[in-house]
Amino acid sequence: MKVLWAKSPCTANEVIEVLETRTEWKPKTVRTLLNRLAQKEAISYTLVHKVYAYFPLVSADECVKSETDSFLKRIYGGAFKPLLVNFLKEEKLTPEEIKELKNILDDKSK
């Protein structure tokens, strides 16, 4: 998805070229992934000169929200507080990050 968000439309070969520098995936794996993403309606394609050109149907923000919701449901039963408490206990935060979190929580309480 990141490849398509960065530049689209892209052919399968263009996606494969980008991913071969980042992963060890075989071309067939990339093509299978593109087909599955199309079946799930996360991407679509057009036929240009007998070649499929893929483009995203969902934004990066929509994808992040969906994955976050899915993670919360699977791991924390949909509850955000245990995730936040666990995160805050385990992570070392900079003073700037703490200030930003406080501002977000202050905004939520208004």
Protein backbone atom coordinates (compact mmCIF):
# COMPACT_ATOMS: atom_id res chain seq x y z
CA MET A 1 0.00 0.00 0.00
CA LYS A 2 2.83 2.39 0.81
CA VAL A 3 4.15 2.00 -2.74
CA LEU A 4 0.76 2.88 -4.20
CA TRP A 5 0.23 5.77 -1.77
CA ALA A 6 3.60 7.20 -2.81
CA LYS A 7 2.98 6.89 -6.55
CA SER A 8 -0.04 5.72 -8.44
CA PRO A 9 -1.13 4.30 -10.64
CA CYS A 10 1.58 1.64 -10.72
CA THR A 11 1.85 -1.56 -12.68
CA ALA A 12 2.59 -4.80 -10.85
CA ASN A 13 6.10 -4.71 -12.30
CA GLU A 14 6.67 -1.21 -10.92
CA VAL A 15 5.50 -2.33 -7.47
CA ILE A 16 7.75 -5.38 -7.72
CA GLU A 17 10.75 -3.19 -8.63
CA VAL A 18 10.25 -1.00 -5.56
CA LEU A 19 9.65 -3.91 -3.21
CA GLU A 20 12.61 -5.98 -4.38
CA THR A 21 14.90 -3.38 -2.82
CA ARG A 22 12.98 -3.52 0.48
CA THR A 23 11.90 -7.15 0.83
CA GLU A 24 12.79 -10.62 -0.31
CA TRP A 25 9.33 -11.21 -1.77
CA LYS A 26 9.10 -13.03 -5.05
CA PRO A 27 7.19 -11.36 -7.93
CA LYS A 28 4.41 -13.95 -7.63
CA THR A 29 3.93 -13.02 -3.96
CA VAL A 30 3.56 -9.33 -4.86
CA ARG A 31 1.05 -10.15 -7.60
CA THR A 32 -0.94 -12.32 -5.17
CA LEU A 33 -0.94 -9.49 -2.63
CA LEU A 34 -2.15 -7.00 -5.24
CA ASN A 35 -4.97 -9.38 -6.21
CA ARG A 36 -6.01 -9.84 -2.58
CA LEU A 37 -5.95 -6.10 -1.94
CA ALA A 38 -8.16 -5.63 -5.01
CA GLN A 39 -10.58 -8.32 -3.76
CA LYS A 40 -10.77 -6.54 -0.41
CA GLU A 41 -11.42 -3.26 -2.27
CA ALA A 42 -8.38 -1.57 -0.75
CA ILE A 43 -7.04 -0.99 -4.27
CA SER A 44 -8.40 -1.05 -7.77
CA TYR A 45 -6.94 -1.07 -11.26
CA THR A 46 -7.42 0.09 -14.79
CA LEU A 47 -6.27 -1.57 -17.96
CA VAL A 48 -3.73 0.59 -19.81
CA HIS A 49 -2.24 -0.85 -23.01
CA LYS A 50 -3.02 -4.43 -21.87
CA VAL A 51 -1.31 -3.83 -18.50
CA TYR A 52 -3.06 -3.41 -15.15
CA ALA A 53 -2.30 -0.13 -13.37
CA TYR A 54 -3.12 -0.27 -9.65
CA PHE A 55 -4.19 2.61 -7.41
CA PRO A 56 -5.38 2.84 -3.78
CA LEU A 57 -9.05 3.17 -2.86
CA VAL A 58 -8.33 3.89 0.81
CA SER A 59 -6.08 6.57 2.27
CA ALA A 60 -3.20 5.88 4.62
CA ASP A 61 -5.21 7.48 7.44
CA GLU A 62 -8.21 5.22 6.78
CA CYS A 63 -5.94 2.19 6.76
CA VAL A 64 -4.24 3.15 10.03
CA LYS A 65 -7.60 3.73 11.72
CA SER A 66 -8.95 0.39 10.53
CA GLU A 67 -5.83 -1.49 11.63
CA THR A 68 -5.84 0.29 15.00
CA ASP A 69 -9.48 -0.63 15.58
CA SER A 70 -8.76 -4.23 14.59
CA PHE A 71 -5.75 -4.41 16.92
CA LEU A 72 -7.72 -2.95 19.83
CA LYS A 73 -10.52 -5.49 19.33
CA ARG A 74 -8.19 -8.47 19.00
CA ILE A 75 -5.74 -7.66 21.79
CA TYR A 76 -7.63 -5.43 24.24
CA GLY A 77 -11.27 -6.35 23.61
CA GLY A 78 -11.84 -2.95 22.03
CA ALA A 79 -10.79 -1.02 25.15
CA PHE A 80 -8.28 1.77 24.60
CA LYS A 81 -7.32 2.46 28.23
CA PRO A 82 -5.39 -0.83 28.81
CA LEU A 83 -3.42 -0.19 25.62
CA LEU A 84 -2.54 3.34 26.68
CA VAL A 85 -1.60 2.27 30.22
CA ASN A 86 0.62 -0.53 28.87
CA PHE A 87 2.24 1.85 26.39
CA LEU A 88 2.93 4.50 29.01
CA LYS A 89 4.44 1.96 31.42
CA GLU A 90 6.75 0.44 28.81
CA GLU A 91 7.86 3.39 26.68
CA LYS A 92 10.39 6.05 27.53
CA LEU A 93 8.90 9.36 26.45
CA THR A 94 10.65 12.64 25.86
CA PRO A 95 9.36 15.74 27.63
CA GLU A 96 8.01 16.93 24.25
CA GLU A 97 6.09 13.69 23.74
CA ILE A 98 4.65 13.90 27.26
CA LYS A 99 3.55 17.48 26.62
CA GLU A 100 1.92 16.48 23.34
CA LEU A 101 0.06 13.61 25.02
CA LYS A 102 -1.13 15.94 27.78
CA ASN A 103 -2.41 18.42 25.17
CA ILE A 104 -4.28 15.66 23.35
CA LEU A 105 -5.88 14.48 26.61
CA ASP A 106 -6.74 18.06 27.56
CA ASP A 107 -8.44 18.57 24.19
CA LYS A 108 -10.39 15.34 24.67
CA SER A 109 -11.72 16.48 28.03
CA LYS A 110 -13.22 19.69 26.59
